[in-house]
Amino acid sequence: MKNSIECYPCLLKMVVDIGKIATDNEEKRWEILQEGLEKIGTGRGDWVPITMGKEMQAIVHRLTNNSDPYRDIKKEYNRKAKALIPLLETEIARSDNALLTAIKLVTTANIIDFVTLDPDQLDLCEFLHTKSSSDFKGTMDPASFIDAIGRANSILYVADNCGEIIFDCYFINRFLADKTVYLSVRGGPALNDATKEDLDGVSFHGHVKIVDTGDNSPGVVPETSGDGFRKIYRAVDLVILKGQGNFEGIGTPERENVYSLFIAKCPVVARHAGCEVGDLVLTVPG
């Protein structure tokens, strides 16, 4: 997905927010803002929006020596998500279609995104309960997606945010236990996205292999992903991309059976996906 003029207010907010999280030094925050504005000013219409997140975090790291500003927030939301697993189990148990409900719930958890949302205003419990009865929007029929999962022996599951990834792990352990699953996280700190470090203490069934993208972009960008990731991406039967960042970055897939699951959080992405802001989306990217 390419850049839009409408992306720039969001990018400016990102610069301010990362600076506030990374340091208490007001002078450093101004330096981050000034360098961030200069970098944003070089943006072009053919840029992928998420690549700017990588650029902003590089500026913060250089100016503050803080390579992972969201570390504590990520841990906090992983803890909060673990406490909500009983709610997931209750919602799934009382549904007529356990797998479809589970897919909706793990997609709903994609709301945990501190680039587009103030974490202090997030009531995960209420949001999950409200969205569990919503229908998916997008180009992919849920029944066909479920059928594709059933036929696949190997799945690349590309995770997105912390907090959300706890729900992903629950889903993988319960509903993909008979599959070989490659769970991919980011190759290094990328805003509040999950890395291998954020999976400490999480257990999986015996067919799960933890891999990373080989890149610290806040989304999968094929051109900058590592060779190992690209090899798995090409080889598996099915690819699940969680989150708006992965949808933005993947472009038009070079293979079949690639599906995106996310909540549309901005009008640019919503238009591209053919939905409204706040919708649950199940679609083929491109």
C-alpha atoms as a PDB file:
ATOM      1  CA  MET A   1       0.000   0.000   0.000  1.00  0.00           C
ATOM      2  CA  LYS A   2       1.425   3.370  -1.006  1.00  0.00           C
ATOM      3  CA  ASN A   3       1.714   6.616   0.902  1.00  0.00           C
ATOM      4  CA  SER A   4      -1.034   9.251   1.071  1.00  0.00           C
ATOM      5  CA  ILE A   5      -1.049  12.899   2.100  1.00  0.00           C
ATOM      6  CA  GLU A   6      -3.497  11.837   4.815  1.00  0.00           C
ATOM      7  CA  CYS A   7      -0.751   9.679   6.372  1.00  0.00           C
ATOM      8  CA  TYR A   8       1.282  12.698   7.465  1.00  0.00           C
ATOM      9  CA  PRO A   9      -0.742  13.847  10.512  1.00  0.00           C
ATOM     10  CA  CYS A  10      -0.442  10.279  11.817  1.00  0.00           C
ATOM     11  CA  LEU A  11       3.304  10.269  11.189  1.00  0.00           C
ATOM     12  CA  LEU A  12       3.667  13.548  13.087  1.00  0.00           C
ATOM     13  CA  LYS A  13       1.714  12.106  16.021  1.00  0.00           C
ATOM     14  CA  MET A  14       3.997   9.066  15.930  1.00  0.00           C
ATOM     15  CA  VAL A  15       7.100  11.248  16.224  1.00  0.00           C
ATOM     16  CA  VAL A  16       5.690  13.152  19.210  1.00  0.00           C
ATOM     17  CA  ASP A  17       4.470   9.998  20.970  1.00  0.00           C
ATOM     18  CA  ILE A  18       7.696   8.023  20.544  1.00  0.00           C
ATOM     19  CA  GLY A  19       9.687  10.969  21.841  1.00  0.00           C
ATOM     20  CA  LYS A  20       7.500  11.246  24.951  1.00  0.00           C
ATOM     21  CA  ILE A  21       7.794   7.523  25.646  1.00  0.00           C
ATOM     22  CA  ALA A  22      11.524   7.270  24.936  1.00  0.00           C
ATOM     23  CA  THR A  23      12.805  10.096  27.131  1.00  0.00           C
ATOM     24  CA  ASP A  24      11.840  12.576  29.839  1.00  0.00           C
ATOM     25  CA  ASN A  25      14.376  15.061  28.510  1.00  0.00           C
ATOM     26  CA  GLU A  26      12.434  17.897  26.898  1.00  0.00           C
ATOM     27  CA  GLU A  27      15.402  19.024  24.822  1.00  0.00           C
ATOM     28  CA  LYS A  28      15.801  15.505  23.408  1.00  0.00           C
ATOM     29  CA  ARG A  29      12.097  15.415  22.593  1.00  0.00           C
ATOM     30  CA  TRP A  30      12.494  18.592  20.547  1.00  0.00           C
ATOM     31  CA  GLU A  31      15.481  17.107  18.734  1.00  0.00           C
ATOM     32  CA  ILE A  32      13.440  13.997  17.919  1.00  0.00           C
ATOM     33  CA  LEU A  33      10.585  16.145  16.650  1.00  0.00           C
ATOM     34  CA  GLN A  34      12.856  18.305  14.494  1.00  0.00           C
ATOM     35  CA  GLU A  35      14.671  15.353  12.909  1.00  0.00           C
ATOM     36  CA  GLY A  36      11.388  13.504  12.505  1.00  0.00           C
ATOM     37  CA  LEU A  37       9.850  16.452  10.676  1.00  0.00           C
ATOM     38  CA  GLU A  38      12.851  16.624   8.357  1.00  0.00           C
ATOM     39  CA  LYS A  39      12.527  12.918   7.562  1.00  0.00           C
ATOM     40  CA  ILE A  40       8.762  13.175   7.045  1.00  0.00           C
ATOM     41  CA  GLY A  41       9.372  16.072   4.683  1.00  0.00           C
ATOM     42  CA  THR A  42      11.347  13.796   2.360  1.00  0.00           C
ATOM     43  CA  GLY A  43       8.372  11.435   1.969  1.00  0.00           C
ATOM     44  CA  ARG A  44       7.099  10.514  -1.460  1.00  0.00           C
ATOM     45  CA  GLY A  45       3.863   9.088  -2.760  1.00  0.00           C
ATOM     46  CA  ASP A  46       5.488   5.748  -3.578  1.00  0.00           C
ATOM     47  CA  TRP A  47       6.682   5.093  -0.015  1.00  0.00           C
ATOM     48  CA  VAL A  48       5.070   2.358   2.050  1.00  0.00           C
ATOM     49  CA  PRO A  49       3.705   4.195   5.142  1.00  0.00           C
ATOM     50  CA  ILE A  50       5.062   1.736   7.716  1.00  0.00           C
ATOM     51  CA  THR A  51       8.650   2.286   6.591  1.00  0.00           C
ATOM     52  CA  MET A  52       8.458   5.699   8.263  1.00  0.00           C
ATOM     53  CA  GLY A  53       7.898   3.978  11.619  1.00  0.00           C
ATOM     54  CA  LYS A  54      11.250   2.257  11.166  1.00  0.00           C
ATOM     55  CA  GLU A  55      12.881   5.596  10.333  1.00  0.00           C
ATOM     56  CA  MET A  56      11.361   7.316  13.378  1.00  0.00           C
ATOM     57  CA  GLN A  57      12.513   4.615  15.762  1.00  0.00           C
ATOM     58  CA  ALA A  58      16.042   4.802  14.313  1.00  0.00           C
ATOM     59  CA  ILE A  59      16.102   8.534  15.081  1.00  0.00           C
ATOM     60  CA  VAL A  60      14.921   7.904  18.645  1.00  0.00           C
ATOM     61  CA  HIS A  61      17.515   5.171  19.192  1.00  0.00           C
ATOM     62  CA  ARG A  62      20.336   7.387  17.965  1.00  0.00           C
ATOM     63  CA  LEU A  63      19.312  10.418  20.032  1.00  0.00           C
ATOM     64  CA  THR A  64      18.330   8.652  23.274  1.00  0.00           C
ATOM     65  CA  ASN A  65      20.161   5.296  23.132  1.00  0.00           C
ATOM     66  CA  ASN A  66      16.755   3.726  23.830  1.00  0.00           C
ATOM     67  CA  SER A  67      16.350   0.900  21.313  1.00  0.00           C
ATOM     68  CA  ASP A  68      12.952  -0.289  22.570  1.00  0.00           C
ATOM     69  CA  PRO A  69      10.884   2.634  23.945  1.00  0.00           C
ATOM     70  CA  TYR A  70       7.721   0.522  24.176  1.00  0.00           C
ATOM     71  CA  ARG A  71       9.317  -2.335  26.174  1.00  0.00           C
ATOM     72  CA  ASP A  72       7.419  -1.722  29.428  1.00  0.00           C
ATOM     73  CA  ILE A  73       4.129  -0.989  27.653  1.00  0.00           C
ATOM     74  CA  LYS A  74       4.442  -4.222  25.674  1.00  0.00           C
ATOM     75  CA  LYS A  75       4.962  -6.238  28.849  1.00  0.00           C
ATOM     76  CA  GLU A  76       1.974  -4.533  30.479  1.00  0.00           C
ATOM     77  CA  TYR A  77      -0.368  -5.353  27.617  1.00  0.00           C
ATOM     78  CA  ASN A  78       0.839  -8.936  27.388  1.00  0.00           C
ATOM     79  CA  ARG A  79      -0.102  -9.259  31.062  1.00  0.00           C
ATOM     80  CA  LYS A  80      -3.499  -7.674  30.449  1.00  0.00           C
ATOM     81  CA  ALA A  81      -4.140  -9.967  27.490  1.00  0.00           C
ATOM     82  CA  LYS A  82      -3.268 -13.088  29.498  1.00  0.00           C
ATOM     83  CA  ALA A  83      -5.863 -12.058  32.077  1.00  0.00           C
ATOM     84  CA  LEU A  84      -8.494 -11.931  29.310  1.00  0.00           C
ATOM     85  CA  ILE A  85      -7.987 -15.498  28.066  1.00  0.00           C
ATOM     86  CA  PRO A  86     -10.885 -16.768  30.255  1.00  0.00           C
ATOM     87  CA  LEU A  87     -13.132 -14.202  28.510  1.00  0.00           C
ATOM     88  CA  LEU A  88     -12.059 -15.571  25.123  1.00  0.00           C
ATOM     89  CA  GLU A  89     -12.828 -19.092  26.268  1.00  0.00           C
ATOM     90  CA  THR A  90     -16.277 -18.043  27.508  1.00  0.00           C
ATOM     91  CA  GLU A  91     -17.148 -16.240  24.257  1.00  0.00           C
ATOM     92  CA  ILE A  92     -15.953 -19.208  22.195  1.00  0.00           C
ATOM     93  CA  ALA A  93     -17.762 -21.781  24.342  1.00  0.00           C
ATOM     94  CA  ARG A  94     -21.142 -20.109  23.966  1.00  0.00           C
ATOM     95  CA  SER A  95     -20.865 -19.554  20.207  1.00  0.00           C
ATOM     96  CA  ASP A  96     -22.356 -21.726  17.476  1.00  0.00           C
ATOM     97  CA  ASN A  97     -19.139 -21.626  15.441  1.00  0.00           C
ATOM     98  CA  ALA A  98     -16.121 -21.827  17.733  1.00  0.00           C
ATOM     99  CA  LEU A  99     -13.465 -21.343  15.050  1.00  0.00           C
ATOM    100  CA  LEU A 100     -15.168 -18.335  13.446  1.00  0.00           C
ATOM    101  CA  THR A 101     -15.689 -16.698  16.838  1.00  0.00           C
ATOM    102  CA  ALA A 102     -12.059 -17.325  17.751  1.00  0.00           C
ATOM    103  CA  ILE A 103     -10.901 -15.720  14.495  1.00  0.00           C
ATOM    104  CA  LYS A 104     -13.069 -12.674  15.228  1.00  0.00           C
ATOM    105  CA  LEU A 105     -11.673 -12.365  18.743  1.00  0.00           C
ATOM    106  CA  VAL A 106      -8.020 -12.614  17.738  1.00  0.00           C
ATOM    107  CA  THR A 107      -8.715 -10.043  15.027  1.00  0.00           C
ATOM    108  CA  THR A 108     -10.431  -7.757  17.536  1.00  0.00           C
ATOM    109  CA  ALA A 109      -7.261  -7.844  19.644  1.00  0.00           C
ATOM    110  CA  ASN A 110      -5.553  -5.975  16.795  1.00  0.00           C
ATOM    111  CA  ILE A 111      -6.983  -2.804  18.345  1.00  0.00           C
ATOM    112  CA  ILE A 112      -3.915  -2.814  20.637  1.00  0.00           C
ATOM    113  CA  ASP A 113      -1.927  -0.339  18.551  1.00  0.00           C
ATOM    114  CA  PHE A 114      -0.355   2.627  20.311  1.00  0.00           C
ATOM    115  CA  VAL A 115       0.499   4.455  17.102  1.00  0.00           C
ATOM    116  CA  THR A 116      -3.194   5.005  16.349  1.00  0.00           C
ATOM    117  CA  LEU A 117      -4.690   4.658  19.833  1.00  0.00           C
ATOM    118  CA  ASP A 118      -4.160   6.081  23.305  1.00  0.00           C
ATOM    119  CA  PRO A 119      -3.569   3.004  25.512  1.00  0.00           C
ATOM    120  CA  ASP A 120      -5.092   4.762  28.506  1.00  0.00           C
ATOM    121  CA  GLN A 121      -8.433   4.891  26.669  1.00  0.00           C
ATOM    122  CA  LEU A 122      -8.469   1.190  25.754  1.00  0.00           C
ATOM    123  CA  ASP A 123     -10.944  -1.093  27.527  1.00  0.00           C
ATOM    124  CA  LEU A 124      -9.984  -4.452  26.048  1.00  0.00           C
ATOM    125  CA  CYS A 125     -12.696  -6.406  27.824  1.00  0.00           C
ATOM    126  CA  GLU A 126     -15.523  -4.176  26.601  1.00  0.00           C
ATOM    127  CA  PHE A 127     -14.122  -3.947  23.090  1.00  0.00           C
ATOM    128  CA  LEU A 128     -13.785  -7.715  22.747  1.00  0.00           C
ATOM    129  CA  HIS A 129     -17.323  -8.290  23.935  1.00  0.00           C
ATOM    130  CA  THR A 130     -18.732  -5.664  21.569  1.00  0.00           C
ATOM    131  CA  LYS A 131     -16.838  -6.800  18.480  1.00  0.00           C
ATOM    132  CA  SER A 132     -17.335 -10.551  18.915  1.00  0.00           C
ATOM    133  CA  SER A 133     -20.743 -10.310  17.225  1.00  0.00           C
ATOM    134  CA  SER A 134     -19.533  -8.122  14.325  1.00  0.00           C
ATOM    135  CA  ASP A 135     -19.262  -9.400  10.764  1.00  0.00           C
ATOM    136  CA  PHE A 136     -16.060  -9.337   8.742  1.00  0.00           C
ATOM    137  CA  LYS A 137     -15.650  -6.899   5.882  1.00  0.00           C
ATOM    138  CA  GLY A 138     -13.263  -7.430   2.975  1.00  0.00           C
ATOM    139  CA  THR A 139     -12.804  -9.591  -0.080  1.00  0.00           C
ATOM    140  CA  MET A 140     -12.618 -12.975   1.668  1.00  0.00           C
ATOM    141  CA  ASP A 141     -15.609 -15.017   2.765  1.00  0.00           C
ATOM    142  CA  PRO A 142     -14.998 -16.354   6.316  1.00  0.00           C
ATOM    143  CA  ALA A 143     -16.266 -19.837   5.407  1.00  0.00           C
ATOM    144  CA  SER A 144     -13.781 -20.038   2.525  1.00  0.00           C
ATOM    145  CA  PHE A 145     -10.984 -18.846   4.807  1.00  0.00           C
ATOM    146  CA  ILE A 146     -11.831 -21.518   7.366  1.00  0.00           C
ATOM    147  CA  ASP A 147     -11.881 -24.116   4.597  1.00  0.00           C
ATOM    148  CA  ALA A 148      -8.428 -22.958   3.444  1.00  0.00           C
ATOM    149  CA  ILE A 149      -7.094 -23.322   6.992  1.00  0.00           C
ATOM    150  CA  GLY A 150      -8.511 -26.837   7.138  1.00  0.00           C
ATOM    151  CA  ARG A 151      -6.728 -27.862   3.939  1.00  0.00           C
ATOM    152  CA  ALA A 152      -3.353 -26.377   4.919  1.00  0.00           C
ATOM    153  CA  ASN A 153      -0.663 -28.501   6.541  1.00  0.00           C
ATOM    154  CA  SER A 154       1.794 -25.640   7.054  1.00  0.00           C
ATOM    155  CA  ILE A 155       0.969 -22.048   7.998  1.00  0.00           C
ATOM    156  CA  LEU A 156       3.049 -18.889   8.330  1.00  0.00           C
ATOM    157  CA  TYR A 157       1.321 -16.771  10.978  1.00  0.00           C
ATOM    158  CA  VAL A 158       2.784 -13.252  10.981  1.00  0.00           C
ATOM    159  CA  ALA A 159       2.021 -11.533  14.278  1.00  0.00           C
ATOM    160  CA  ASP A 160       1.637  -7.824  14.928  1.00  0.00           C
ATOM    161  CA  ASN A 161       1.277  -6.112  18.309  1.00  0.00           C
ATOM    162  CA  CYS A 162       2.054  -7.187  21.851  1.00  0.00           C
ATOM    163  CA  GLY A 163      -1.060  -8.021  23.847  1.00  0.00           C
ATOM    164  CA  GLU A 164      -2.646  -9.172  20.613  1.00  0.00           C
ATOM    165  CA  ILE A 165       0.027 -11.838  20.253  1.00  0.00           C
ATOM    166  CA  ILE A 166      -1.120 -13.541  23.465  1.00  0.00           C
ATOM    167  CA  PHE A 167      -4.484 -14.134  21.798  1.00  0.00           C
ATOM    168  CA  ASP A 168      -2.682 -15.333  18.661  1.00  0.00           C
ATOM    169  CA  CYS A 169      -0.744 -17.881  20.721  1.00  0.00           C
ATOM    170  CA  TYR A 170      -3.949 -19.124  22.328  1.00  0.00           C
ATOM    171  CA  PHE A 171      -5.542 -19.458  18.889  1.00  0.00           C
ATOM    172  CA  ILE A 172      -2.547 -21.346  17.474  1.00  0.00           C
ATOM    173  CA  ASN A 173      -2.405 -23.762  20.396  1.00  0.00           C
ATOM    174  CA  ARG A 174      -6.119 -24.505  20.388  1.00  0.00           C
ATOM    175  CA  PHE A 175      -7.180 -24.351  16.742  1.00  0.00           C
ATOM    176  CA  LEU A 176      -3.988 -25.035  14.770  1.00  0.00           C
ATOM    177  CA  ALA A 177      -2.622 -27.873  16.893  1.00  0.00           C
ATOM    178  CA  ASP A 178      -2.504 -30.289  13.941  1.00  0.00           C
ATOM    179  CA  LYS A 179      -0.564 -27.855  11.708  1.00  0.00           C
ATOM    180  CA  THR A 180       3.073 -26.960  11.321  1.00  0.00           C
ATOM    181  CA  VAL A 181       2.964 -23.277  12.276  1.00  0.00           C
ATOM    182  CA  TYR A 182       5.722 -20.751  11.756  1.00  0.00           C
ATOM    183  CA  LEU A 183       4.906 -17.888  14.122  1.00  0.00           C
ATOM    184  CA  SER A 184       6.759 -14.831  12.887  1.00  0.00           C
ATOM    185  CA  VAL A 185       7.515 -11.765  14.969  1.00  0.00           C
ATOM    186  CA  ARG A 186       9.573  -8.673  14.117  1.00  0.00           C
ATOM    187  CA  GLY A 187      13.321  -8.981  13.692  1.00  0.00           C
ATOM    188  CA  GLY A 188      13.932  -6.184  16.200  1.00  0.00           C
ATOM    189  CA  PRO A 189      12.029  -3.572  18.232  1.00  0.00           C
ATOM    190  CA  ALA A 190       9.360  -1.936  16.075  1.00  0.00           C
ATOM    191  CA  LEU A 191       7.014   0.346  18.027  1.00  0.00           C
ATOM    192  CA  ASN A 192       4.738  -1.919  20.124  1.00  0.00           C
ATOM    193  CA  ASP A 193       5.046  -4.916  17.802  1.00  0.00           C
ATOM    194  CA  ALA A 194       6.059  -8.297  19.190  1.00  0.00           C
ATOM    195  CA  THR A 195       9.623  -9.635  19.076  1.00  0.00           C
ATOM    196  CA  LYS A 196      11.036 -12.960  20.273  1.00  0.00           C
ATOM    197  CA  GLU A 197      11.809 -11.369  23.639  1.00  0.00           C
ATOM    198  CA  ASP A 198       8.100 -10.641  24.105  1.00  0.00           C
ATOM    199  CA  LEU A 199       7.298 -14.371  23.851  1.00  0.00           C
ATOM    200  CA  ASP A 200       9.309 -15.295  26.949  1.00  0.00           C
ATOM    201  CA  GLY A 201       7.190 -17.563  29.147  1.00  0.00           C
ATOM    202  CA  VAL A 202       4.702 -18.459  26.387  1.00  0.00           C
ATOM    203  CA  SER A 203       4.426 -22.181  25.585  1.00  0.00           C
ATOM    204  CA  PHE A 204       3.282 -23.751  22.318  1.00  0.00           C
ATOM    205  CA  HIS A 205       2.300 -27.105  20.896  1.00  0.00           C
ATOM    206  CA  GLY A 206       5.137 -29.159  19.432  1.00  0.00           C
ATOM    207  CA  HIS A 207       4.683 -28.125  15.806  1.00  0.00           C
ATOM    208  CA  VAL A 208       5.201 -24.373  16.335  1.00  0.00           C
ATOM    209  CA  LYS A 209       8.448 -22.764  15.229  1.00  0.00           C
ATOM    210  CA  ILE A 210       9.223 -19.179  16.250  1.00  0.00           C
ATOM    211  CA  VAL A 211      10.838 -17.152  13.467  1.00  0.00           C
ATOM    212  CA  ASP A 212      11.244 -13.467  12.691  1.00  0.00           C
ATOM    213  CA  THR A 213      10.997 -11.243   9.648  1.00  0.00           C
ATOM    214  CA  GLY A 214      14.677 -10.358   9.682  1.00  0.00           C
ATOM    215  CA  ASP A 215      13.650  -6.700   9.713  1.00  0.00           C
ATOM    216  CA  ASN A 216      12.455  -4.191  12.301  1.00  0.00           C
ATOM    217  CA  SER A 217       9.849  -2.515  10.128  1.00  0.00           C
ATOM    218  CA  PRO A 218       6.421  -2.408  11.865  1.00  0.00           C
ATOM    219  CA  GLY A 219       5.009  -4.652   9.149  1.00  0.00           C
ATOM    220  CA  VAL A 220       6.171  -7.159   6.555  1.00  0.00           C
ATOM    221  CA  VAL A 221       7.947  -5.444   3.677  1.00  0.00           C
ATOM    222  CA  PRO A 222       9.101  -8.226   1.314  1.00  0.00           C
ATOM    223  CA  GLU A 223      12.009  -6.191  -0.081  1.00  0.00           C
ATOM    224  CA  THR A 224      13.585  -5.673   3.356  1.00  0.00           C
ATOM    225  CA  SER A 225      12.668  -8.994   5.005  1.00  0.00           C
ATOM    226  CA  GLY A 226      15.358 -11.592   5.658  1.00  0.00           C
ATOM    227  CA  ASP A 227      16.129 -14.494   3.334  1.00  0.00           C
ATOM    228  CA  GLY A 228      14.966 -17.054   5.902  1.00  0.00           C
ATOM    229  CA  PHE A 229      11.592 -15.390   6.261  1.00  0.00           C
ATOM    230  CA  ARG A 230      11.094 -15.111   2.517  1.00  0.00           C
ATOM    231  CA  LYS A 231      11.943 -18.795   2.078  1.00  0.00           C
ATOM    232  CA  ILE A 232       9.266 -19.807   4.601  1.00  0.00           C
ATOM    233  CA  TYR A 233       6.802 -17.336   3.070  1.00  0.00           C
ATOM    234  CA  ARG A 234       7.172 -18.992  -0.316  1.00  0.00           C
ATOM    235  CA  ALA A 235       7.115 -22.590   0.964  1.00  0.00           C
ATOM    236  CA  VAL A 236       4.118 -22.824   3.323  1.00  0.00           C
ATOM    237  CA  ASP A 237       0.599 -23.766   2.273  1.00  0.00           C
ATOM    238  CA  LEU A 238      -1.056 -20.674   3.753  1.00  0.00           C
ATOM    239  CA  VAL A 239      -0.053 -17.267   5.138  1.00  0.00           C
ATOM    240  CA  ILE A 240      -1.996 -15.335   7.789  1.00  0.00           C
ATOM    241  CA  LEU A 241      -0.996 -11.688   8.194  1.00  0.00           C
ATOM    242  CA  LYS A 242      -2.249 -10.146  11.424  1.00  0.00           C
ATOM    243  CA  GLY A 243      -2.590  -6.400  11.714  1.00  0.00           C
ATOM    244  CA  GLN A 244      -2.831  -3.275   9.642  1.00  0.00           C
ATOM    245  CA  GLY A 245       0.946  -2.858   9.372  1.00  0.00           C
ATOM    246  CA  ASN A 246       1.384  -6.227   7.680  1.00  0.00           C
ATOM    247  CA  PHE A 247      -1.478  -5.402   5.313  1.00  0.00           C
ATOM    248  CA  GLU A 248       0.171  -2.085   4.421  1.00  0.00           C
ATOM    249  CA  GLY A 249       3.595  -3.589   3.886  1.00  0.00           C
ATOM    250  CA  ILE A 250       2.945  -6.779   1.947  1.00  0.00           C
ATOM    251  CA  GLY A 251       1.687  -5.100  -1.230  1.00  0.00           C
ATOM    252  CA  THR A 252       0.305  -7.500  -3.828  1.00  0.00           C
ATOM    253  CA  PRO A 253       1.402 -10.990  -2.722  1.00  0.00           C
ATOM    254  CA  GLU A 254       3.658 -12.931  -5.058  1.00  0.00           C
ATOM    255  CA  ARG A 255       1.808 -16.138  -4.185  1.00  0.00           C
ATOM    256  CA  GLU A 256      -1.672 -17.493  -3.452  1.00  0.00           C
ATOM    257  CA  ASN A 257      -3.344 -18.234  -0.104  1.00  0.00           C
ATOM    258  CA  VAL A 258      -2.272 -15.032   1.669  1.00  0.00           C
ATOM    259  CA  TYR A 259      -4.907 -13.534   3.976  1.00  0.00           C
ATOM    260  CA  SER A 260      -4.981 -10.389   6.122  1.00  0.00           C
ATOM    261  CA  LEU A 261      -6.850 -10.067   9.423  1.00  0.00           C
ATOM    262  CA  PHE A 262      -7.002  -6.653  11.075  1.00  0.00           C
ATOM    263  CA  ILE A 263      -9.088  -3.792  12.393  1.00  0.00           C
ATOM    264  CA  ALA A 264      -9.176  -0.802  10.043  1.00  0.00           C
ATOM    265  CA  LYS A 265      -7.817   2.054  12.143  1.00  0.00           C
ATOM    266  CA  CYS A 266      -7.484   4.870   9.625  1.00  0.00           C
ATOM    267  CA  PRO A 267      -9.448   6.156   6.615  1.00  0.00           C
ATOM    268  CA  VAL A 268      -6.597   5.546   4.147  1.00  0.00           C
ATOM    269  CA  VAL A 269      -6.400   1.832   4.962  1.00  0.00           C
ATOM    270  CA  ALA A 270     -10.183   1.572   5.221  1.00  0.00           C
ATOM    271  CA  ARG A 271     -10.622   2.957   1.701  1.00  0.00           C
ATOM    272  CA  HIS A 272      -7.964   0.627   0.358  1.00  0.00           C
ATOM    273  CA  ALA A 273      -9.665  -2.365   2.002  1.00  0.00           C
ATOM    274  CA  GLY A 274     -13.177  -1.266   0.999  1.00  0.00           C
ATOM    275  CA  CYS A 275     -14.510  -0.880   4.525  1.00  0.00           C
ATOM    276  CA  GLU A 276     -15.099   1.662   7.299  1.00  0.00           C
ATOM    277  CA  VAL A 277     -12.806   2.679  10.151  1.00  0.00           C
ATOM    278  CA  GLY A 278     -13.366   0.273  13.052  1.00  0.00           C
ATOM    279  CA  ASP A 279     -14.438  -2.678  10.900  1.00  0.00           C
ATOM    280  CA  LEU A 280     -13.086  -6.198  11.329  1.00  0.00           C
ATOM    281  CA  VAL A 281     -11.375  -7.034   8.046  1.00  0.00           C
ATOM    282  CA  LEU A 282     -10.678 -10.395   6.414  1.00  0.00           C
ATOM    283  CA  THR A 283      -9.228  -9.857   2.973  1.00  0.00           C
ATOM    284  CA  VAL A 284      -6.676 -10.837   0.376  1.00  0.00           C
ATOM    285  CA  PRO A 285      -4.084  -8.018   0.376  1.00  0.00           C
ATOM    286  CA  GLY A 286      -3.195  -6.167  -2.764  1.00  0.00           C
END
